[in-house]
PDB file of all heavy atoms in Angstrom:
ATOM      1  N   LYS A   1      -3.441 -16.536 -15.040  1.00  0.00           N
ATOM      2  CA  LYS A   1      -2.481 -17.410 -15.727  1.00  0.00           C
ATOM      3  C   LYS A   1      -1.224 -16.658 -16.165  1.00  0.00           C
ATOM      4  O   LYS A   1      -0.228 -17.266 -16.532  1.00  0.00           O
ATOM      5  CB  LYS A   1      -3.141 -18.109 -16.905  1.00  0.00           C
ATOM      6  CG  LYS A   1      -3.330 -17.293 -18.149  1.00  0.00           C
ATOM      7  CD  LYS A   1      -3.847 -18.209 -19.275  1.00  0.00           C
ATOM      8  CE  LYS A   1      -3.879 -17.466 -20.605  1.00  0.00           C
ATOM      9  NZ  LYS A   1      -4.291 -18.369 -21.707  1.00  0.00           N
ATOM     10  N   TYR A   2      -1.261 -15.325 -16.078  1.00  0.00           N
ATOM     11  CA  TYR A   2      -0.086 -14.522 -16.427  1.00  0.00           C
ATOM     12  C   TYR A   2       0.768 -14.175 -15.210  1.00  0.00           C
ATOM     13  O   TYR A   2       1.972 -13.972 -15.344  1.00  0.00           O
ATOM     14  CB  TYR A   2      -0.521 -13.230 -17.142  1.00  0.00           C
ATOM     15  CG  TYR A   2      -1.152 -13.484 -18.479  1.00  0.00           C
ATOM     16  CD1 TYR A   2      -2.526 -13.668 -18.593  1.00  0.00           C
ATOM     17  CD2 TYR A   2      -0.377 -13.578 -19.633  1.00  0.00           C
ATOM     18  CE1 TYR A   2      -3.115 -13.927 -19.812  1.00  0.00           C
ATOM     19  CE2 TYR A   2      -0.961 -13.838 -20.866  1.00  0.00           C
ATOM     20  CZ  TYR A   2      -2.333 -14.014 -20.954  1.00  0.00           C
ATOM     21  OH  TYR A   2      -2.909 -14.278 -22.170  1.00  0.00           O
ATOM     22  N   HIS A   3       0.138 -14.083 -14.019  1.00  0.00           N
ATOM     23  CA  HIS A   3       0.948 -13.734 -12.845  1.00  0.00           C
ATOM     24  C   HIS A   3       1.228 -14.922 -11.924  1.00  0.00           C
ATOM     25  O   HIS A   3       2.212 -14.919 -11.194  1.00  0.00           O
ATOM     26  CB  HIS A   3       0.307 -12.591 -12.047  1.00  0.00           C
ATOM     27  CG  HIS A   3      -1.101 -12.826 -11.574  1.00  0.00           C
ATOM     28  ND1 HIS A   3      -1.441 -13.813 -10.691  1.00  0.00           N
ATOM     29  CD2 HIS A   3      -2.257 -12.153 -11.855  1.00  0.00           C
ATOM     30  CE1 HIS A   3      -2.741 -13.755 -10.442  1.00  0.00           C
ATOM     31  NE2 HIS A   3      -3.272 -12.772 -11.135  1.00  0.00           N
ATOM     32  N   GLY A   4       0.382 -15.956 -11.957  1.00  0.00           N
ATOM     33  CA  GLY A   4       0.645 -17.162 -11.172  1.00  0.00           C
ATOM     34  C   GLY A   4       0.646 -16.958  -9.672  1.00  0.00           C
ATOM     35  O   GLY A   4       1.276 -17.718  -8.939  1.00  0.00           O
ATOM     36  N   LEU A   5      -0.059 -15.935  -9.180  1.00  0.00           N
ATOM     37  CA  LEU A   5      -0.070 -15.633  -7.755  1.00  0.00           C
ATOM     38  C   LEU A   5      -1.266 -16.277  -7.059  1.00  0.00           C
ATOM     39  O   LEU A   5      -2.233 -16.672  -7.697  1.00  0.00           O
ATOM     40  CB  LEU A   5      -0.085 -14.113  -7.540  1.00  0.00           C
ATOM     41  CG  LEU A   5       1.082 -13.338  -8.169  1.00  0.00           C
ATOM     42  CD1 LEU A   5       0.922 -11.848  -7.933  1.00  0.00           C
ATOM     43  CD2 LEU A   5       2.419 -13.825  -7.621  1.00  0.00           C
ATOM     44  N   SER A   6      -1.182 -16.355  -5.720  1.00  0.00           N
ATOM     45  CA  SER A   6      -2.212 -17.019  -4.922  1.00  0.00           C
ATOM     46  C   SER A   6      -3.184 -15.999  -4.336  1.00  0.00           C
ATOM     47  O   SER A   6      -3.009 -14.785  -4.471  1.00  0.00           O
ATOM     48  CB  SER A   6      -1.566 -17.804  -3.779  1.00  0.00           C
ATOM     49  OG  SER A   6      -1.013 -16.894  -2.822  1.00  0.00           O
ATOM     50  N   ASN A   7      -4.197 -16.509  -3.647  1.00  0.00           N
ATOM     51  CA  ASN A   7      -5.169 -15.635  -2.999  1.00  0.00           C
ATOM     52  C   ASN A   7      -4.534 -14.784  -1.898  1.00  0.00           C
ATOM     53  O   ASN A   7      -5.029 -13.703  -1.579  1.00  0.00           O
ATOM     54  CB  ASN A   7      -6.320 -16.454  -2.417  1.00  0.00           C
ATOM     55  CG  ASN A   7      -7.221 -17.027  -3.493  1.00  0.00           C
ATOM     56  OD1 ASN A   7      -7.165 -16.598  -4.652  1.00  0.00           O
ATOM     57  ND2 ASN A   7      -8.035 -18.000  -3.142  1.00  0.00           N
ATOM     58  N   ARG A   8      -3.439 -15.277  -1.303  1.00  0.00           N
ATOM     59  CA  ARG A   8      -2.762 -14.493  -0.268  1.00  0.00           C
ATOM     60  C   ARG A   8      -2.175 -13.222  -0.882  1.00  0.00           C
ATOM     61  O   ARG A   8      -2.245 -12.146  -0.294  1.00  0.00           O
ATOM     62  CB  ARG A   8      -1.652 -15.317   0.385  1.00  0.00           C
ATOM     63  CG  ARG A   8      -0.973 -14.631   1.572  1.00  0.00           C
ATOM     64  CD  ARG A   8      -1.924 -14.453   2.743  1.00  0.00           C
ATOM     65  NE  ARG A   8      -1.290 -13.794   3.868  1.00  0.00           N
ATOM     66  CZ  ARG A   8      -1.882 -13.590   5.043  1.00  0.00           C
ATOM     67  NH1 ARG A   8      -3.132 -13.983   5.234  1.00  0.00           N
ATOM     68  NH2 ARG A   8      -1.245 -12.986   6.030  1.00  0.00           N
ATOM     69  N   GLU A   9      -1.594 -13.344  -2.094  1.00  0.00           N
ATOM     70  CA  GLU A   9      -1.057 -12.159  -2.763  1.00  0.00           C
ATOM     71  C   GLU A   9      -2.187 -11.213  -3.190  1.00  0.00           C
ATOM     72  O   GLU A   9      -2.006  -9.999  -3.202  1.00  0.00           O
ATOM     73  CB  GLU A   9      -0.223 -12.555  -3.982  1.00  0.00           C
ATOM     74  CG  GLU A   9       1.169 -13.037  -3.657  1.00  0.00           C
ATOM     75  CD  GLU A   9       1.219 -14.491  -3.217  1.00  0.00           C
ATOM     76  OE1 GLU A   9       0.482 -15.316  -3.792  1.00  0.00           O
ATOM     77  OE2 GLU A   9       1.985 -14.804  -2.290  1.00  0.00           O
ATOM     78  N   ARG A  10      -3.332 -11.788  -3.524  1.00  0.00           N
ATOM     79  CA  ARG A  10      -4.489 -10.925  -3.848  1.00  0.00           C
ATOM     80  C   ARG A  10      -4.895 -10.108  -2.630  1.00  0.00           C
ATOM     81  O   ARG A  10      -5.253  -8.927  -2.752  1.00  0.00           O
ATOM     82  CB  ARG A  10      -5.670 -11.770  -4.332  1.00  0.00           C
ATOM     83  CG  ARG A  10      -6.890 -10.934  -4.746  1.00  0.00           C
ATOM     84  CD  ARG A  10      -8.013 -11.793  -5.268  1.00  0.00           C
ATOM     85  NE  ARG A  10      -8.542 -12.659  -4.226  1.00  0.00           N
ATOM     86  CZ  ARG A  10      -9.451 -13.618  -4.448  1.00  0.00           C
ATOM     87  NH1 ARG A  10      -9.907 -13.828  -5.671  1.00  0.00           N
ATOM     88  NH2 ARG A  10      -9.876 -14.370  -3.452  1.00  0.00           N
ATOM     89  N   LEU A  11      -4.837 -10.723  -1.446  1.00  0.00           N
ATOM     90  CA  LEU A  11      -5.137  -9.998  -0.209  1.00  0.00           C
ATOM     91  C   LEU A  11      -4.150  -8.841  -0.017  1.00  0.00           C
ATOM     92  O   LEU A  11      -4.556  -7.726   0.347  1.00  0.00           O
ATOM     93  CB  LEU A  11      -5.063 -10.955   0.979  1.00  0.00           C
ATOM     94  CG  LEU A  11      -5.210 -10.325   2.373  1.00  0.00           C
ATOM     95  CD1 LEU A  11      -6.609  -9.735   2.546  1.00  0.00           C
ATOM     96  CD2 LEU A  11      -4.929 -11.354   3.457  1.00  0.00           C
ATOM     97  N   LEU A  12      -2.860  -9.084  -0.255  1.00  0.00           N
ATOM     98  CA  LEU A  12      -1.861  -8.024  -0.125  1.00  0.00           C
ATOM     99  C   LEU A  12      -2.132  -6.895  -1.122  1.00  0.00           C
ATOM    100  O   LEU A  12      -1.959  -5.713  -0.809  1.00  0.00           O
ATOM    101  CB  LEU A  12      -0.453  -8.580  -0.330  1.00  0.00           C
ATOM    102  CG  LEU A  12       0.000  -9.678   0.645  1.00  0.00           C
ATOM    103  CD1 LEU A  12       1.445 -10.084   0.353  1.00  0.00           C
ATOM    104  CD2 LEU A  12      -0.145  -9.245   2.091  1.00  0.00           C
ATOM    105  N   LEU A  13      -2.567  -7.261  -2.326  1.00  0.00           N
ATOM    106  CA  LEU A  13      -2.927  -6.257  -3.334  1.00  0.00           C
ATOM    107  C   LEU A  13      -4.100  -5.410  -2.856  1.00  0.00           C
ATOM    108  O   LEU A  13      -4.103  -4.180  -3.007  1.00  0.00           O
ATOM    109  CB  LEU A  13      -3.271  -6.959  -4.657  1.00  0.00           C
ATOM    110  CG  LEU A  13      -3.813  -6.061  -5.777  1.00  0.00           C
ATOM    111  CD1 LEU A  13      -2.740  -5.057  -6.227  1.00  0.00           C
ATOM    112  CD2 LEU A  13      -4.268  -6.914  -6.962  1.00  0.00           C
ATOM    113  N   GLN A  14      -5.102  -6.058  -2.274  1.00  0.00           N
ATOM    114  CA  GLN A  14      -6.254  -5.314  -1.761  1.00  0.00           C
ATOM    115  C   GLN A  14      -5.840  -4.320  -0.683  1.00  0.00           C
ATOM    116  O   GLN A  14      -6.306  -3.177  -0.651  1.00  0.00           O
ATOM    117  CB  GLN A  14      -7.300  -6.283  -1.195  1.00  0.00           C
ATOM    118  CG  GLN A  14      -8.065  -7.056  -2.253  1.00  0.00           C
ATOM    119  CD  GLN A  14      -9.074  -8.005  -1.620  1.00  0.00           C
ATOM    120  OE1 GLN A  14      -8.802  -9.195  -1.470  1.00  0.00           O
ATOM    121  NE2 GLN A  14     -10.224  -7.484  -1.237  1.00  0.00           N
ATOM    122  N   ILE A  15      -4.957  -4.760   0.214  1.00  0.00           N
ATOM    123  CA  ILE A  15      -4.500  -3.869   1.288  1.00  0.00           C
ATOM    124  C   ILE A  15      -3.729  -2.694   0.699  1.00  0.00           C
ATOM    125  O   ILE A  15      -3.903  -1.542   1.132  1.00  0.00           O
ATOM    126  CB  ILE A  15      -3.641  -4.652   2.300  1.00  0.00           C
ATOM    127  CG1 ILE A  15      -4.490  -5.721   2.997  1.00  0.00           C
ATOM    128  CG2 ILE A  15      -3.028  -3.708   3.336  1.00  0.00           C
ATOM    129  CD1 ILE A  15      -3.686  -6.703   3.811  1.00  0.00           C
ATOM    130  N   ALA A  16      -2.896  -2.956  -0.315  1.00  0.00           N
ATOM    131  CA  ALA A  16      -2.155  -1.873  -0.971  1.00  0.00           C
ATOM    132  C   ALA A  16      -3.119  -0.881  -1.626  1.00  0.00           C
ATOM    133  O   ALA A  16      -2.907   0.338  -1.565  1.00  0.00           O
ATOM    134  CB  ALA A  16      -1.190  -2.451  -2.003  1.00  0.00           C
ATOM    135  N   ALA A  17      -4.179  -1.397  -2.243  1.00  0.00           N
ATOM    136  CA  ALA A  17      -5.175  -0.519  -2.873  1.00  0.00           C
ATOM    137  C   ALA A  17      -5.883   0.340  -1.830  1.00  0.00           C
ATOM    138  O   ALA A  17      -6.110   1.536  -2.031  1.00  0.00           O
ATOM    139  CB  ALA A  17      -6.177  -1.359  -3.649  1.00  0.00           C
ATOM    140  N   ILE A  18      -6.215  -0.266  -0.706  1.00  0.00           N
ATOM    141  CA  ILE A  18      -6.913   0.455   0.368  1.00  0.00           C
ATOM    142  C   ILE A  18      -6.046   1.569   0.940  1.00  0.00           C
ATOM    143  O   ILE A  18      -6.532   2.657   1.267  1.00  0.00           O
ATOM    144  CB  ILE A  18      -7.334  -0.532   1.480  1.00  0.00           C
ATOM    145  CG1 ILE A  18      -8.418  -1.491   0.960  1.00  0.00           C
ATOM    146  CG2 ILE A  18      -7.831   0.214   2.720  1.00  0.00           C
ATOM    147  CD1 ILE A  18      -8.659  -2.691   1.866  1.00  0.00           C
ATOM    148  N   LEU A  19      -4.730   1.313   1.048  1.00  0.00           N
ATOM    149  CA  LEU A  19      -3.824   2.242   1.727  1.00  0.00           C
ATOM    150  C   LEU A  19      -2.982   3.084   0.780  1.00  0.00           C
ATOM    151  O   LEU A  19      -2.131   3.855   1.244  1.00  0.00           O
ATOM    152  CB  LEU A  19      -2.891   1.456   2.658  1.00  0.00           C
ATOM    153  CG  LEU A  19      -3.563   0.662   3.785  1.00  0.00           C
ATOM    154  CD1 LEU A  19      -2.514  -0.137   4.562  1.00  0.00           C
ATOM    155  CD2 LEU A  19      -4.320   1.590   4.727  1.00  0.00           C
ATOM    156  N   HIS A  20      -3.216   2.993  -0.511  1.00  0.00           N
ATOM    157  CA  HIS A  20      -2.297   3.633  -1.468  1.00  0.00           C
ATOM    158  C   HIS A  20      -2.221   5.152  -1.330  1.00  0.00           C
ATOM    159  O   HIS A  20      -1.231   5.767  -1.704  1.00  0.00           O
ATOM    160  CB  HIS A  20      -2.661   3.237  -2.904  1.00  0.00           C
ATOM    161  CG  HIS A  20      -3.819   3.989  -3.484  1.00  0.00           C
ATOM    162  ND1 HIS A  20      -5.125   3.618  -3.271  1.00  0.00           N
ATOM    163  CD2 HIS A  20      -3.864   5.110  -4.260  1.00  0.00           C
ATOM    164  CE1 HIS A  20      -5.935   4.453  -3.899  1.00  0.00           C
ATOM    165  NE2 HIS A  20      -5.192   5.370  -4.507  1.00  0.00           N
ATOM    166  N   ALA A  21      -3.242   5.770  -0.762  1.00  0.00           N
ATOM    167  CA  ALA A  21      -3.257   7.237  -0.657  1.00  0.00           C
ATOM    168  C   ALA A  21      -3.076   7.740   0.775  1.00  0.00           C
ATOM    169  O   ALA A  21      -3.223   8.936   1.023  1.00  0.00           O
ATOM    170  CB  ALA A  21      -4.557   7.784  -1.243  1.00  0.00           C
ATOM    171  N   CYS A  22      -2.743   6.851   1.712  1.00  0.00           N
ATOM    172  CA  CYS A  22      -2.689   7.278   3.118  1.00  0.00           C
ATOM    173  C   CYS A  22      -1.577   8.296   3.375  1.00  0.00           C
ATOM    174  O   CYS A  22      -1.648   9.079   4.318  1.00  0.00           O
ATOM    175  CB  CYS A  22      -2.551   6.076   4.047  1.00  0.00           C
ATOM    176  SG  CYS A  22      -0.963   5.208   3.953  1.00  0.00           S
ATOM    177  N   GLY A  23      -0.548   8.332   2.532  1.00  0.00           N
ATOM    178  CA  GLY A  23       0.560   9.261   2.731  1.00  0.00           C
ATOM    179  C   GLY A  23       0.187  10.715   2.512  1.00  0.00           C
ATOM    180  O   GLY A  23       0.890  11.622   2.974  1.00  0.00           O
ATOM    181  N   LYS A  24      -0.928  10.972   1.817  1.00  0.00           N
ATOM    182  CA  LYS A  24      -1.367  12.354   1.588  1.00  0.00           C
ATOM    183  C   LYS A  24      -1.761  13.034   2.888  1.00  0.00           C
ATOM    184  O   LYS A  24      -1.822  14.262   2.946  1.00  0.00           O
ATOM    185  CB  LYS A  24      -2.543  12.368   0.614  1.00  0.00           C
ATOM    186  CG  LYS A  24      -2.154  11.960  -0.801  1.00  0.00           C
ATOM    187  CD  LYS A  24      -3.337  12.020  -1.749  1.00  0.00           C
ATOM    188  CE  LYS A  24      -2.922  11.622  -3.169  1.00  0.00           C
ATOM    189  NZ  LYS A  24      -4.071  11.663  -4.103  1.00  0.00           N
ATOM    190  N   PHE A  25      -2.027  12.237   3.907  1.00  0.00           N
ATOM    191  CA  PHE A  25      -2.354  12.800   5.221  1.00  0.00           C
ATOM    192  C   PHE A  25      -1.182  13.619   5.756  1.00  0.00           C
ATOM    193  O   PHE A  25      -1.367  14.615   6.459  1.00  0.00           O
ATOM    194  CB  PHE A  25      -2.683  11.658   6.189  1.00  0.00           C
ATOM    195  CG  PHE A  25      -3.084  12.096   7.569  1.00  0.00           C
ATOM    196  CD1 PHE A  25      -4.401  12.462   7.832  1.00  0.00           C
ATOM    197  CD2 PHE A  25      -2.164  12.152   8.605  1.00  0.00           C
ATOM    198  CE1 PHE A  25      -4.783  12.861   9.106  1.00  0.00           C
ATOM    199  CE2 PHE A  25      -2.529  12.549   9.876  1.00  0.00           C
ATOM    200  CZ  PHE A  25      -3.848  12.906  10.127  1.00  0.00           C
ATOM    201  N   VAL A  26       0.043  13.214   5.387  1.00  0.00           N
ATOM    202  CA  VAL A  26       1.248  13.900   5.844  1.00  0.00           C
ATOM    203  C   VAL A  26       1.670  14.973   4.846  1.00  0.00           C
ATOM    204  O   VAL A  26       1.930  16.119   5.210  1.00  0.00           O
ATOM    205  CB  VAL A  26       2.405  12.900   6.057  1.00  0.00           C
ATOM    206  CG1 VAL A  26       3.674  13.612   6.509  1.00  0.00           C
ATOM    207  CG2 VAL A  26       2.004  11.826   7.054  1.00  0.00           C
ATOM    208  N   SER A  27       1.755  14.591   3.575  1.00  0.00           N
ATOM    209  CA  SER A  27       2.184  15.533   2.536  1.00  0.00           C
ATOM    210  C   SER A  27       1.699  15.036   1.181  1.00  0.00           C
ATOM    211  O   SER A  27       1.939  13.880   0.819  1.00  0.00           O
ATOM    212  CB  SER A  27       3.711  15.662   2.530  1.00  0.00           C
ATOM    213  OG  SER A  27       4.147  16.353   1.390  1.00  0.00           O
ATOM    214  N   ILE A  28       1.050  15.909   0.433  1.00  0.00           N
ATOM    215  CA  ILE A  28       0.529  15.525  -0.878  1.00  0.00           C
ATOM    216  C   ILE A  28       1.666  15.340  -1.878  1.00  0.00           C
ATOM    217  O   ILE A  28       1.610  14.468  -2.747  1.00  0.00           O
ATOM    218  CB  ILE A  28      -0.479  16.586  -1.378  1.00  0.00           C
ATOM    219  CG1 ILE A  28      -1.711  16.589  -0.467  1.00  0.00           C
ATOM    220  CG2 ILE A  28      -0.894  16.307  -2.821  1.00  0.00           C
ATOM    221  CD1 ILE A  28      -2.721  17.662  -0.781  1.00  0.00           C
ATOM    222  N   THR A  29       2.719  16.136  -1.739  1.00  0.00           N
ATOM    223  CA  THR A  29       3.797  16.092  -2.736  1.00  0.00           C
ATOM    224  C   THR A  29       4.676  14.852  -2.617  1.00  0.00           C
ATOM    225  O   THR A  29       5.300  14.438  -3.582  1.00  0.00           O
ATOM    226  CB  THR A  29       4.692  17.353  -2.623  1.00  0.00           C
ATOM    227  OG1 THR A  29       5.181  17.460  -1.281  1.00  0.00           O
ATOM    228  CG2 THR A  29       3.909  18.594  -2.988  1.00  0.00           C
ATOM    229  N   LYS A  30       4.777  14.271  -1.441  1.00  0.00           N
ATOM    230  CA  LYS A  30       5.591  13.060  -1.258  1.00  0.00           C
ATOM    231  C   LYS A  30       4.723  11.940  -0.688  1.00  0.00           C
ATOM    232  O   LYS A  30       5.107  11.240   0.234  1.00  0.00           O
ATOM    233  CB  LYS A  30       6.768  13.345  -0.328  1.00  0.00           C
ATOM    234  CG  LYS A  30       7.767  14.342  -0.892  1.00  0.00           C
ATOM    235  CD  LYS A  30       8.937  14.521   0.056  1.00  0.00           C
ATOM    236  CE  LYS A  30       9.974  15.488  -0.537  1.00  0.00           C
ATOM    237  NZ  LYS A  30      11.124  15.683   0.377  1.00  0.00           N
ATOM    238  N   SER A  31       3.570  11.773  -1.286  1.00  0.00           N
ATOM    239  CA  SER A  31       2.552  10.889  -0.695  1.00  0.00           C
ATOM    240  C   SER A  31       2.981   9.423  -0.629  1.00  0.00           C
ATOM    241  O   SER A  31       2.762   8.748   0.381  1.00  0.00           O
ATOM    242  CB  SER A  31       1.232  11.010  -1.455  1.00  0.00           C
ATOM    243  OG  SER A  31       1.391  10.606  -2.799  1.00  0.00           O
ATOM    244  N   THR A  32       3.604   8.912  -1.687  1.00  0.00           N
ATOM    245  CA  THR A  32       3.936   7.478  -1.679  1.00  0.00           C
ATOM    246  C   THR A  32       5.071   7.174  -0.714  1.00  0.00           C
ATOM    247  O   THR A  32       5.099   6.112  -0.085  1.00  0.00           O
ATOM    248  CB  THR A  32       4.301   6.975  -3.084  1.00  0.00           C
ATOM    249  OG1 THR A  32       5.380   7.757  -3.606  1.00  0.00           O
ATOM    250  CG2 THR A  32       3.113   7.082  -4.024  1.00  0.00           C
ATOM    251  N   GLU A  33       6.018   8.108  -0.587  1.00  0.00           N
ATOM    252  CA  GLU A  33       7.107   7.910   0.367  1.00  0.00           C
ATOM    253  C   GLU A  33       6.562   7.946   1.796  1.00  0.00           C
ATOM    254  O   GLU A  33       6.952   7.143   2.649  1.00  0.00           O
ATOM    255  CB  GLU A  33       8.167   8.996   0.181  1.00  0.00           C
ATOM    256  CG  GLU A  33       9.520   8.646   0.749  1.00  0.00           C
ATOM    257  CD  GLU A  33      10.150   7.432   0.102  1.00  0.00           C
ATOM    258  OE1 GLU A  33      10.084   7.295  -1.135  1.00  0.00           O
ATOM    259  OE2 GLU A  33      10.694   6.599   0.851  1.00  0.00           O
ATOM    260  N   ASN A  34       5.648   8.872   2.043  1.00  0.00           N
ATOM    261  CA  ASN A  34       5.024   8.957   3.360  1.00  0.00           C
ATOM    262  C   ASN A  34       4.166   7.720   3.641  1.00  0.00           C
ATOM    263  O   ASN A  34       4.140   7.214   4.771  1.00  0.00           O
ATOM    264  CB  ASN A  34       4.143  10.214   3.449  1.00  0.00           C
ATOM    265  CG  ASN A  34       4.961  11.485   3.392  1.00  0.00           C
ATOM    266  OD1 ASN A  34       6.079  11.533   3.885  1.00  0.00           O
ATOM    267  ND2 ASN A  34       4.419  12.520   2.769  1.00  0.00           N
ATOM    268  N   ALA A  35       3.457   7.250   2.616  1.00  0.00           N
ATOM    269  CA  ALA A  35       2.627   6.053   2.770  1.00  0.00           C
ATOM    270  C   ALA A  35       3.483   4.848   3.132  1.00  0.00           C
ATOM    271  O   ALA A  35       3.107   4.031   3.988  1.00  0.00           O
ATOM    272  CB  ALA A  35       1.849   5.780   1.485  1.00  0.00           C
ATOM    273  N   TYR A  36       4.655   4.737   2.493  1.00  0.00           N
ATOM    274  CA  TYR A  36       5.578   3.647   2.813  1.00  0.00           C
ATOM    275  C   TYR A  36       5.938   3.682   4.293  1.00  0.00           C
ATOM    276  O   TYR A  36       5.898   2.647   4.983  1.00  0.00           O
ATOM    277  CB  TYR A  36       6.844   3.764   1.950  1.00  0.00           C
ATOM    278  CG  TYR A  36       7.928   2.768   2.321  1.00  0.00           C
ATOM    279  CD1 TYR A  36       7.959   1.509   1.740  1.00  0.00           C
ATOM    280  CD2 TYR A  36       8.893   3.093   3.272  1.00  0.00           C
ATOM    281  CE1 TYR A  36       8.940   0.589   2.091  1.00  0.00           C
ATOM    282  CE2 TYR A  36       9.874   2.174   3.631  1.00  0.00           C
ATOM    283  CZ  TYR A  36       9.893   0.928   3.032  1.00  0.00           C
ATOM    284  OH  TYR A  36      10.848   0.023   3.405  1.00  0.00           O
ATOM    285  N   GLN A  37       6.280   4.856   4.801  1.00  0.00           N
ATOM    286  CA  GLN A  37       6.675   5.002   6.203  1.00  0.00           C
ATOM    287  C   GLN A  37       5.512   4.692   7.143  1.00  0.00           C
ATOM    288  O   GLN A  37       5.694   4.042   8.182  1.00  0.00           O
ATOM    289  CB  GLN A  37       7.199   6.423   6.461  1.00  0.00           C
ATOM    290  CG  GLN A  37       8.446   6.789   5.667  1.00  0.00           C
ATOM    291  CD  GLN A  37       9.650   5.936   6.026  1.00  0.00           C
ATOM    292  OE1 GLN A  37       9.726   5.354   7.107  1.00  0.00           O
ATOM    293  NE2 GLN A  37      10.607   5.843   5.110  1.00  0.00           N
ATOM    294  N   ILE A  38       4.323   5.148   6.799  1.00  0.00           N
ATOM    295  CA  ILE A  38       3.142   4.897   7.635  1.00  0.00           C
ATOM    296  C   ILE A  38       2.868   3.402   7.732  1.00  0.00           C
ATOM    297  O   ILE A  38       2.643   2.851   8.817  1.00  0.00           O
ATOM    298  CB  ILE A  38       1.907   5.635   7.075  1.00  0.00           C
ATOM    299  CG1 ILE A  38       2.038   7.146   7.323  1.00  0.00           C
ATOM    300  CG2 ILE A  38       0.618   5.114   7.713  1.00  0.00           C
ATOM    301  CD1 ILE A  38       0.970   7.968   6.629  1.00  0.00           C
ATOM    302  N   ILE A  39       2.889   2.717   6.591  1.00  0.00           N
ATOM    303  CA  ILE A  39       2.591   1.278   6.569  1.00  0.00           C
ATOM    304  C   ILE A  39       3.648   0.502   7.342  1.00  0.00           C
ATOM    305  O   ILE A  39       3.332  -0.409   8.113  1.00  0.00           O
ATOM    306  CB  ILE A  39       2.477   0.771   5.113  1.00  0.00           C
ATOM    307  CG1 ILE A  39       1.254   1.403   4.430  1.00  0.00           C
ATOM    308  CG2 ILE A  39       2.378  -0.759   5.074  1.00  0.00           C
ATOM    309  CD1 ILE A  39       1.230   1.239   2.930  1.00  0.00           C
ATOM    310  N   MET A  40       4.909   0.872   7.174  1.00  0.00           N
ATOM    311  CA  MET A  40       5.984   0.163   7.875  1.00  0.00           C
ATOM    312  C   MET A  40       5.947   0.421   9.376  1.00  0.00           C
ATOM    313  O   MET A  40       6.437  -0.389  10.168  1.00  0.00           O
ATOM    314  CB  MET A  40       7.346   0.566   7.308  1.00  0.00           C
ATOM    315  CG  MET A  40       7.621   0.023   5.913  1.00  0.00           C
ATOM    316  SD  MET A  40       7.423  -1.774   5.797  1.00  0.00           S
ATOM    317  CE  MET A  40       8.663  -2.332   6.945  1.00  0.00           C
ATOM    318  N   ALA A  41       5.361   1.535   9.783  1.00  0.00           N
ATOM    319  CA  ALA A  41       5.303   1.872  11.207  1.00  0.00           C
ATOM    320  C   ALA A  41       4.032   1.367  11.880  1.00  0.00           C
ATOM    321  O   ALA A  41       3.871   1.512  13.092  1.00  0.00           O
ATOM    322  CB  ALA A  41       5.396   3.396  11.385  1.00  0.00           C
ATOM    323  N   THR A  42       3.144   0.750  11.105  1.00  0.00           N
ATOM    324  CA  THR A  42       1.843   0.329  11.635  1.00  0.00           C
ATOM    325  C   THR A  42       1.679  -1.182  11.495  1.00  0.00           C
ATOM    326  O   THR A  42       1.755  -1.711  10.380  1.00  0.00           O
ATOM    327  CB  THR A  42       0.691   1.030  10.889  1.00  0.00           C
ATOM    328  OG1 THR A  42       0.916   2.440  10.885  1.00  0.00           O
ATOM    329  CG2 THR A  42      -0.644   0.723  11.545  1.00  0.00           C
ATOM    330  N   GLU A  43       1.446  -1.865  12.599  1.00  0.00           N
ATOM    331  CA  GLU A  43       1.176  -3.297  12.515  1.00  0.00           C
ATOM    332  C   GLU A  43      -0.218  -3.522  11.946  1.00  0.00           C
ATOM    333  O   GLU A  43      -1.179  -2.889  12.381  1.00  0.00           O
ATOM    334  CB  GLU A  43       1.280  -3.944  13.898  1.00  0.00           C
ATOM    335  CG  GLU A  43       2.712  -4.112  14.368  1.00  0.00           C
ATOM    336  CD  GLU A  43       2.806  -5.019  15.575  1.00  0.00           C
ATOM    337  OE1 GLU A  43       1.798  -5.167  16.280  1.00  0.00           O
ATOM    338  OE2 GLU A  43       3.890  -5.572  15.800  1.00  0.00           O
TER     339      GLU A  43
END
């Protein structure tokens, strides 16, 4: 009742949680920036 989001947004949240640390595969110090690039480059 505070965020007003749908189940589709919950799915996106789950995917973000699953992939939040994937950027450490490239570099631990810039993990979130690397994760952004990995996700954007992967269908």
